[in-house]
Amino acid sequence: MKQLMRNNLLFFSVLFLVSFYSVFCQNLTTKPFNIVLDAGHGGKDPGRPTKYGYKEKDIALSIVLKVGKLLSRNKDVNVIYTRKTDIFVDLFKRGKIANNADADLFVSVHCNAHNSNAYGSETYVLGIHRNKTNMEVAKAENEVIYLEDNYEKHYEGFDPNSPESLIGLTLIQEDYLDQSILLADYVQDNFTNQLKRKNRGVKQAGFIVLHQTYMPSILIETGFITNKKEGDYLNSKKGQDQISKSIAQAILKYKSQLEFNIGEQITTDVPEQNISLNQTVYKIQIAASSRKVKTSPKNFKGLTNITVQKNGEIYRYFYSQTNNFKKAQQLKKEAIDRGFTDAIIKRFDP
C-alpha cells in the first residue's frame, strides 16, 4: 500500500513538473511581437497636396496593408493597424492604440511633398529638428491636428508652427532613440540597396504621432508624390509591393537583432558562486547603438573609462572593467545612478 502511494505521488509529481514546464515554455515562445502599423492621414485628411492626382492617404494605406500581410506570415508577430480603411484617426488616438497594445514597435507610413522636383525616401525618428527642412516636414505632418475636435485639450495647446513646442517632444522617446534609429537605418538600407532609390537619410524631427508612443517608433516618408516619376512609382502596384517588402524585411531584421540582444542579456548577471575570479573579466554595458560615438565623458554623462566594441552592425559601450564580481556590481550601480538605467554586467571569459 505504501509503495502504491509512493508510486502515485511520484507519478503526479512528474505530471505536475511536465505540465509546469510545458506552460513555462509556451509562455516563453508564444508571446507575440506586437507591431503597430500606422497609415498616415485618412478620411477627411487626404495628406500632402499634389497636382498629379495622387492621394497620400490611399498610397500609405495600401503600403501598410501589404506590410502587415507580409509580417503576419510569421506566427510570432502580431500586427495591429491604426486604420485599415479610409477613415480619419486623431494623432493622439494612433499613439493610444500602440500604447494600449503594449506594442514593441510603431511604424508610421507617409508620402513626402515639396514645391521642387525633389525625390527619394527618408525615415524619421523623434527629435528636435536639426535644420529648417526637417522642421518644415514635421510642421506639415503635425498640422493635421487642426482637423481634430478639441485638439487644444488633447495636445495641451501644442502649436505645430512653434519651434518651442517641439523641444519637449523628445523627452519621452529618448530611451528608445537608439532602437528607433537602428530600425530606420534598416529601412533606408533596404530602399537603397534593394530598390536603388535615392537615400535621403535617417533624420530627426518633432512629429506628434511619434511623441504619443511609448516604444521604438519611426515615420517613413516613402517618396515624393510631387515628383511625377516617383509619384507614378508610389501609386503603382509594383512600387507598393516593393516598398512594403523592403519595410517588412527591415522590421523582421530589427526583431531578430533585438531578440539576439535580449538573449545575450539573459546570461549576463552571473551568480557570485559561479564566478572564476582569476580568469573572468566583467564589464558594464551601458549602451548599444547603430552609430559610433566618441568615448569622451561628455557623451556618457561624465563617466570615464568607456570602451566600445562592435558586434555586427551594433556598437556596444562599456563602463570600466574588473575581475571582481562584487566590484562589477558596484560599477553597475554607479552607471545606473548616472542615468544608465539599463546597465548590465557582461562576463568575458579568456
Protein backbone atom coordinates (compact mmCIF):
# COMPACT_ATOMS: atom_id res chain seq x y z
CA MET A 1 0.00 0.00 0.00
CA LYS A 2 2.78 2.44 0.94
CA GLN A 3 4.64 1.52 -2.23
CA LEU A 4 1.48 2.23 -4.26
CA MET A 5 1.10 5.63 -2.58
CA ARG A 6 4.73 6.45 -3.28
CA ASN A 7 4.31 5.47 -6.91
CA ASN A 8 1.18 7.60 -7.23
CA LEU A 9 2.90 10.53 -5.57
CA LEU A 10 5.84 10.16 -7.92
CA PHE A 11 3.54 9.95 -10.94
CA PHE A 12 1.61 13.09 -10.03
CA SER A 13 4.82 14.95 -9.18
CA VAL A 14 6.27 14.14 -12.59
CA LEU A 15 2.96 15.05 -14.25
CA PHE A 16 2.94 18.41 -12.46
CA LEU A 17 6.53 19.17 -13.44
CA VAL A 18 5.89 18.24 -17.06
CA SER A 19 2.77 20.40 -17.14
CA PHE A 20 4.55 23.32 -15.48
CA TYR A 21 7.48 23.06 -17.88
CA SER A 22 5.12 22.91 -20.85
CA VAL A 23 3.26 26.04 -19.74
CA PHE A 24 6.51 27.81 -18.91
CA CYS A 25 7.99 27.09 -22.34
CA GLN A 26 4.75 28.05 -24.01
CA ASN A 27 4.78 31.43 -22.26
CA LEU A 28 8.35 31.99 -23.40
CA THR A 29 7.73 31.09 -27.01
CA THR A 30 4.22 32.33 -27.71
CA LYS A 31 4.42 35.91 -26.55
CA PRO A 32 3.86 37.79 -29.78
CA PHE A 33 5.96 40.65 -31.06
CA ASN A 34 3.37 43.42 -31.33
CA ILE A 35 3.84 45.78 -34.26
CA VAL A 36 1.54 48.75 -34.80
CA LEU A 37 1.35 49.89 -38.42
CA ASP A 38 0.05 53.39 -38.97
CA ALA A 39 -1.14 54.54 -42.39
CA GLY A 40 -0.77 58.31 -42.39
CA HIS A 41 -3.76 60.61 -42.86
CA GLY A 42 -7.14 59.21 -44.00
CA GLY A 43 -10.77 60.22 -44.31
CA LYS A 44 -11.20 63.99 -44.38
CA ASP A 45 -7.41 64.36 -44.29
CA PRO A 46 -6.07 63.41 -47.76
CA GLY A 47 -2.45 64.18 -46.90
CA ARG A 48 0.05 66.19 -48.90
CA PRO A 49 -1.35 68.05 -51.94
CA THR A 50 -0.22 67.17 -55.46
CA LYS A 51 -1.19 68.33 -58.94
CA TYR A 52 -0.89 64.81 -60.34
CA GLY A 53 -3.95 63.38 -58.59
CA TYR A 54 -2.16 61.02 -56.21
CA LYS A 55 -3.64 60.69 -52.73
CA GLU A 56 -1.16 60.21 -49.94
CA LYS A 57 -3.78 58.64 -47.67
CA ASP A 58 -4.52 55.91 -50.24
CA ILE A 59 -0.88 55.12 -51.03
CA ALA A 60 0.05 54.97 -47.34
CA LEU A 61 -2.87 52.66 -46.55
CA SER A 62 -2.10 50.31 -49.42
CA ILE A 63 1.56 50.00 -48.39
CA VAL A 64 0.69 49.47 -44.72
CA LEU A 65 -1.81 46.70 -45.51
CA LYS A 66 0.79 44.96 -47.68
CA VAL A 67 3.45 45.27 -44.96
CA GLY A 68 1.00 43.83 -42.43
CA LYS A 69 0.16 40.90 -44.70
CA LEU A 70 3.85 40.05 -45.10
CA LEU A 71 4.57 40.33 -41.38
CA SER A 72 1.55 38.22 -40.45
CA ARG A 73 3.12 35.22 -42.14
CA ASN A 74 5.30 34.98 -39.03
CA LYS A 75 3.37 33.22 -36.28
CA ASP A 76 5.18 35.09 -33.51
CA VAL A 77 4.27 38.52 -34.95
CA ASN A 78 1.02 40.27 -34.10
CA VAL A 79 0.10 43.15 -36.42
CA ILE A 80 -2.16 45.95 -35.21
CA TYR A 81 -3.41 48.72 -37.51
CA THR A 82 -4.36 52.26 -36.56
CA ARG A 83 -6.66 52.17 -39.58
CA LYS A 84 -7.49 49.58 -42.24
CA THR A 85 -9.90 51.72 -44.24
CA ASP A 86 -10.23 55.30 -45.44
CA ILE A 87 -11.13 56.86 -42.09
CA PHE A 88 -9.78 59.81 -40.12
CA VAL A 89 -7.93 58.89 -36.92
CA ASP A 90 -6.72 61.55 -34.49
CA LEU A 91 -2.97 61.57 -33.95
CA PHE A 92 -3.30 61.09 -30.21
CA LYS A 93 -5.53 58.05 -30.81
CA ARG A 94 -2.91 56.47 -33.05
CA GLY A 95 -0.40 56.63 -30.22
CA LYS A 96 -3.01 55.40 -27.75
CA ILE A 97 -3.67 52.33 -29.90
CA ALA A 98 0.03 51.47 -29.75
CA ASN A 99 0.34 52.14 -26.02
CA ASN A 100 -2.78 50.13 -25.14
CA ALA A 101 -1.45 47.22 -27.16
CA ASP A 102 1.87 47.38 -25.29
CA ALA A 103 3.45 47.40 -28.73
CA ASP A 104 7.08 46.56 -29.33
CA LEU A 105 7.23 48.81 -32.37
CA PHE A 106 5.34 51.67 -34.04
CA VAL A 107 5.79 52.32 -37.76
CA SER A 108 4.02 55.20 -39.50
CA VAL A 109 3.99 55.37 -43.31
CA HIS A 110 3.64 58.60 -45.32
CA CYS A 111 4.47 60.23 -48.64
CA ASN A 112 6.53 63.38 -48.94
CA ALA A 113 5.84 66.57 -50.89
CA HIS A 114 7.79 69.65 -51.93
CA ASN A 115 7.48 72.62 -54.24
CA SER A 116 10.57 71.44 -56.12
CA ASN A 117 11.20 68.23 -58.08
CA ALA A 118 12.76 66.55 -55.03
CA TYR A 119 12.76 62.76 -54.86
CA GLY A 120 13.94 59.90 -52.66
CA SER A 121 12.99 58.34 -49.35
CA GLU A 122 13.82 59.35 -45.79
CA THR A 123 12.92 57.92 -42.40
CA TYR A 124 12.42 59.94 -39.25
CA VAL A 125 12.81 59.31 -35.56
CA LEU A 126 11.57 61.70 -32.93
CA GLY A 127 13.96 64.53 -32.10
CA ILE A 128 14.36 68.27 -32.06
CA HIS A 129 14.64 69.50 -35.65
CA ARG A 130 18.22 69.67 -36.85
CA ASN A 131 17.57 72.06 -39.72
CA LYS A 132 14.86 74.11 -41.35
CA THR A 133 13.92 71.38 -43.83
CA ASN A 134 13.25 68.79 -41.11
CA MET A 135 11.26 71.39 -39.21
CA GLU A 136 9.06 72.08 -42.24
CA VAL A 137 8.37 68.38 -42.82
CA ALA A 138 7.32 67.92 -39.20
CA LYS A 139 5.15 71.05 -39.26
CA ALA A 140 3.34 69.84 -42.37
CA GLU A 141 2.57 66.45 -40.83
CA ASN A 142 1.63 67.92 -37.43
CA GLU A 143 -0.86 70.44 -38.81
CA VAL A 144 -3.39 67.63 -39.17
CA ILE A 145 -4.29 68.25 -35.51
CA TYR A 146 -6.28 71.27 -36.66
CA LEU A 147 -8.75 68.81 -38.22
CA GLU A 148 -9.33 67.14 -34.87
CA ASP A 149 -12.06 68.06 -32.41
CA ASN A 150 -10.82 69.62 -29.16
CA TYR A 151 -7.20 69.47 -30.29
CA GLU A 152 -6.24 72.08 -27.69
CA LYS A 153 -7.30 69.66 -24.96
CA HIS A 154 -5.60 66.59 -26.41
CA TYR A 155 -2.29 68.31 -27.18
CA GLU A 156 -2.27 70.81 -24.31
CA GLY A 157 -2.02 73.85 -26.53
CA PHE A 158 0.68 72.44 -28.81
CA ASP A 159 1.39 74.74 -31.76
CA PRO A 160 2.79 72.93 -34.85
CA ASN A 161 4.27 76.22 -36.05
CA SER A 162 6.22 76.89 -32.86
CA PRO A 163 9.79 75.56 -32.55
CA GLU A 164 9.46 75.86 -28.77
CA SER A 165 6.59 73.37 -28.81
CA LEU A 166 8.86 70.73 -30.34
CA ILE A 167 11.56 70.91 -27.69
CA GLY A 168 9.60 68.87 -25.15
CA LEU A 169 8.63 66.16 -27.62
CA THR A 170 11.90 64.24 -27.45
CA LEU A 171 11.92 63.55 -23.72
CA ILE A 172 9.56 60.58 -23.60
CA GLN A 173 11.14 58.88 -26.63
CA GLU A 174 14.73 59.43 -25.52
CA ASP A 175 15.05 55.94 -24.06
CA TYR A 176 14.10 54.39 -27.40
CA LEU A 177 16.16 56.59 -29.70
CA ASP A 178 18.92 54.07 -30.45
CA GLN A 179 16.42 51.34 -31.26
CA SER A 180 14.38 53.69 -33.43
CA ILE A 181 17.49 54.75 -35.34
CA LEU A 182 18.51 51.12 -35.82
CA LEU A 183 15.17 50.27 -37.45
CA ALA A 184 15.23 53.47 -39.52
CA ASP A 185 18.72 52.52 -40.79
CA TYR A 186 17.46 49.10 -41.84
CA VAL A 187 14.55 50.65 -43.74
CA GLN A 188 16.75 53.13 -45.57
CA ASP A 189 19.37 50.50 -46.35
CA ASN A 190 16.73 48.29 -47.95
CA PHE A 191 15.32 51.14 -50.00
CA THR A 192 18.82 51.99 -51.21
CA ASN A 193 20.36 48.56 -51.75
CA GLN A 194 17.31 46.58 -52.85
CA LEU A 195 15.29 49.19 -54.72
CA LYS A 196 18.14 51.51 -55.79
CA ARG A 197 16.23 54.54 -54.58
CA LYS A 198 17.80 57.81 -53.53
CA ASN A 199 18.65 57.70 -49.83
CA ARG A 200 17.80 60.99 -48.13
CA GLY A 201 18.91 59.53 -44.81
CA VAL A 202 17.70 58.94 -41.28
CA LYS A 203 16.61 62.20 -39.72
CA GLN A 204 15.17 63.63 -36.54
CA ALA A 205 12.14 65.89 -36.29
CA GLY A 206 9.30 66.65 -33.90
CA PHE A 207 6.40 64.52 -35.14
CA ILE A 208 3.48 64.45 -32.74
CA VAL A 209 2.41 60.97 -33.80
CA LEU A 210 5.81 59.63 -32.67
CA HIS A 211 5.69 61.65 -29.47
CA GLN A 212 2.47 59.91 -28.45
CA THR A 213 4.07 56.45 -28.35
CA TYR A 214 5.99 54.71 -25.58
CA MET A 215 8.10 52.34 -27.70
CA PRO A 216 10.65 52.49 -30.54
CA SER A 217 8.92 54.44 -33.33
CA ILE A 218 9.70 55.61 -36.84
CA LEU A 219 7.96 57.62 -39.55
CA ILE A 220 8.75 56.64 -43.14
CA GLU A 221 8.46 59.17 -45.95
CA THR A 222 8.36 56.66 -48.80
CA GLY A 223 8.90 59.24 -51.54
CA PHE A 224 7.65 62.46 -53.11
CA ILE A 225 4.23 62.43 -54.71
CA THR A 226 5.01 65.90 -56.06
CA ASN A 227 7.61 64.29 -58.31
CA LYS A 228 5.77 62.81 -61.32
CA LYS A 229 8.12 59.88 -61.86
CA GLU A 230 8.30 58.97 -58.19
CA GLY A 231 4.58 59.58 -57.73
CA ASP A 232 3.83 57.14 -60.55
CA TYR A 233 6.03 54.56 -58.81
CA LEU A 234 4.44 55.07 -55.39
CA ASN A 235 0.97 54.86 -56.88
CA SER A 236 1.71 51.63 -58.78
CA LYS A 237 1.18 48.06 -57.59
CA LYS A 238 4.82 47.26 -58.39
CA GLY A 239 6.10 50.19 -56.36
CA GLN A 240 3.87 49.46 -53.39
CA ASP A 241 4.78 45.77 -53.45
CA GLN A 242 8.49 46.55 -53.48
CA ILE A 243 8.32 49.20 -50.80
CA SER A 244 6.18 47.08 -48.49
CA LYS A 245 8.55 44.13 -48.88
CA SER A 246 11.57 46.29 -48.02
CA ILE A 247 9.82 47.68 -44.93
CA ALA A 248 8.67 44.26 -43.74
CA GLN A 249 12.16 42.80 -44.15
CA ALA A 250 13.66 45.71 -42.21
CA ILE A 251 11.20 45.15 -39.35
CA LEU A 252 11.97 41.44 -39.19
CA LYS A 253 15.71 42.15 -39.24
CA TYR A 254 15.22 44.59 -36.36
CA LYS A 255 13.19 41.99 -34.48
CA SER A 256 15.94 39.40 -34.94
CA GLN A 257 18.59 41.85 -33.76
CA LEU A 258 16.51 42.75 -30.72
CA GLU A 259 15.99 39.10 -29.80
CA PHE A 260 19.72 38.49 -30.19
CA ASN A 261 20.47 41.34 -27.77
CA ILE A 262 17.90 40.12 -25.25
CA GLY A 263 19.28 36.61 -25.46
CA GLU A 264 22.72 37.90 -24.55
CA GLN A 265 21.36 39.77 -21.56
CA ILE A 266 19.74 36.67 -20.08
CA THR A 267 23.12 35.24 -19.08
CA THR A 268 24.92 38.44 -18.16
CA ASP A 269 24.24 38.69 -14.43
CA VAL A 270 26.13 35.62 -13.22
CA PRO A 271 25.54 34.30 -9.67
CA GLU A 272 28.55 35.03 -7.48
CA GLN A 273 29.13 31.39 -6.57
CA ASN A 274 29.70 30.51 -10.25
CA ILE A 275 32.42 33.09 -10.83
CA SER A 276 36.06 32.32 -11.53
CA LEU A 277 37.70 35.48 -10.23
CA ASN A 278 41.10 34.67 -11.65
CA GLN A 279 40.02 34.11 -15.24
CA THR A 280 36.99 36.26 -15.88
CA VAL A 281 36.66 39.94 -16.75
CA TYR A 282 33.43 41.86 -16.09
CA LYS A 283 32.44 44.97 -17.99
CA ILE A 284 29.38 47.18 -17.53
CA GLN A 285 27.45 47.58 -20.76
CA ILE A 286 25.66 50.92 -20.63
CA ALA A 287 24.51 51.47 -24.21
CA ALA A 288 24.16 49.96 -27.67
CA SER A 289 23.74 51.88 -30.88
CA SER A 290 23.99 51.62 -34.64
CA ARG A 291 26.16 54.76 -34.55
CA LYS A 292 29.73 55.10 -33.33
CA VAL A 293 30.06 57.74 -30.62
CA LYS A 294 33.28 59.19 -29.23
CA THR A 295 34.01 57.73 -25.81
CA SER A 296 34.60 61.08 -24.15
CA PRO A 297 32.98 61.64 -20.73
CA LYS A 298 30.70 64.40 -22.08
CA ASN A 299 28.95 61.82 -24.26
CA PHE A 300 28.42 59.42 -21.34
CA LYS A 301 27.14 61.65 -18.55
CA GLY A 302 30.59 62.18 -17.10
CA LEU A 303 31.64 58.54 -16.90
CA THR A 304 35.27 57.78 -17.74
CA ASN A 305 36.96 54.52 -18.76
CA ILE A 306 34.50 53.99 -21.59
CA THR A 307 35.34 51.36 -24.22
CA VAL A 308 33.49 50.39 -27.37
CA GLN A 309 33.11 47.05 -29.11
CA LYS A 310 31.45 46.46 -32.47
CA ASN A 311 29.28 43.35 -32.92
CA GLY A 312 27.81 43.13 -36.38
CA GLU A 313 26.18 46.49 -37.04
CA ILE A 314 25.87 47.41 -33.37
CA TYR A 315 28.36 49.35 -31.25
CA ARG A 316 28.32 48.37 -27.58
CA TYR A 317 29.63 50.77 -24.97
CA PHE A 318 31.14 49.59 -21.71
CA TYR A 319 31.95 51.40 -18.49
CA SER A 320 35.14 50.20 -16.77
CA GLN A 321 36.11 46.57 -16.11
CA THR A 322 37.16 44.37 -13.21
CA ASN A 323 37.99 40.77 -12.26
CA ASN A 324 35.86 41.03 -9.15
CA PHE A 325 32.13 40.40 -9.43
CA LYS A 326 31.26 42.44 -6.32
CA LYS A 327 33.19 45.36 -7.77
CA ALA A 328 31.29 44.87 -11.02
CA GLN A 329 28.03 45.18 -9.11
CA GLN A 330 29.25 48.45 -7.61
CA LEU A 331 30.22 49.74 -11.05
CA LYS A 332 26.81 48.78 -12.39
CA LYS A 333 25.16 50.77 -9.59
CA GLU A 334 27.38 53.76 -10.42
CA ALA A 335 26.25 53.60 -14.05
CA ILE A 336 22.59 53.35 -13.05
CA ASP A 337 22.98 56.30 -10.68
CA ARG A 338 24.36 58.33 -13.59
CA GLY A 339 21.22 57.62 -15.58
CA PHE A 340 22.08 54.42 -17.47
CA THR A 341 19.15 52.51 -16.01
CA ASP A 342 19.53 49.58 -18.43
CA ALA A 343 23.17 48.92 -17.48
CA ILE A 344 24.06 45.25 -17.30
CA ILE A 345 27.11 43.21 -16.26
CA LYS A 346 28.78 41.42 -19.17
CA ARG A 347 31.06 38.47 -18.49
CA PHE A 348 34.09 37.86 -20.71
CA ASP A 349 35.93 34.56 -20.31
CA PRO A 350 39.51 34.19 -21.63
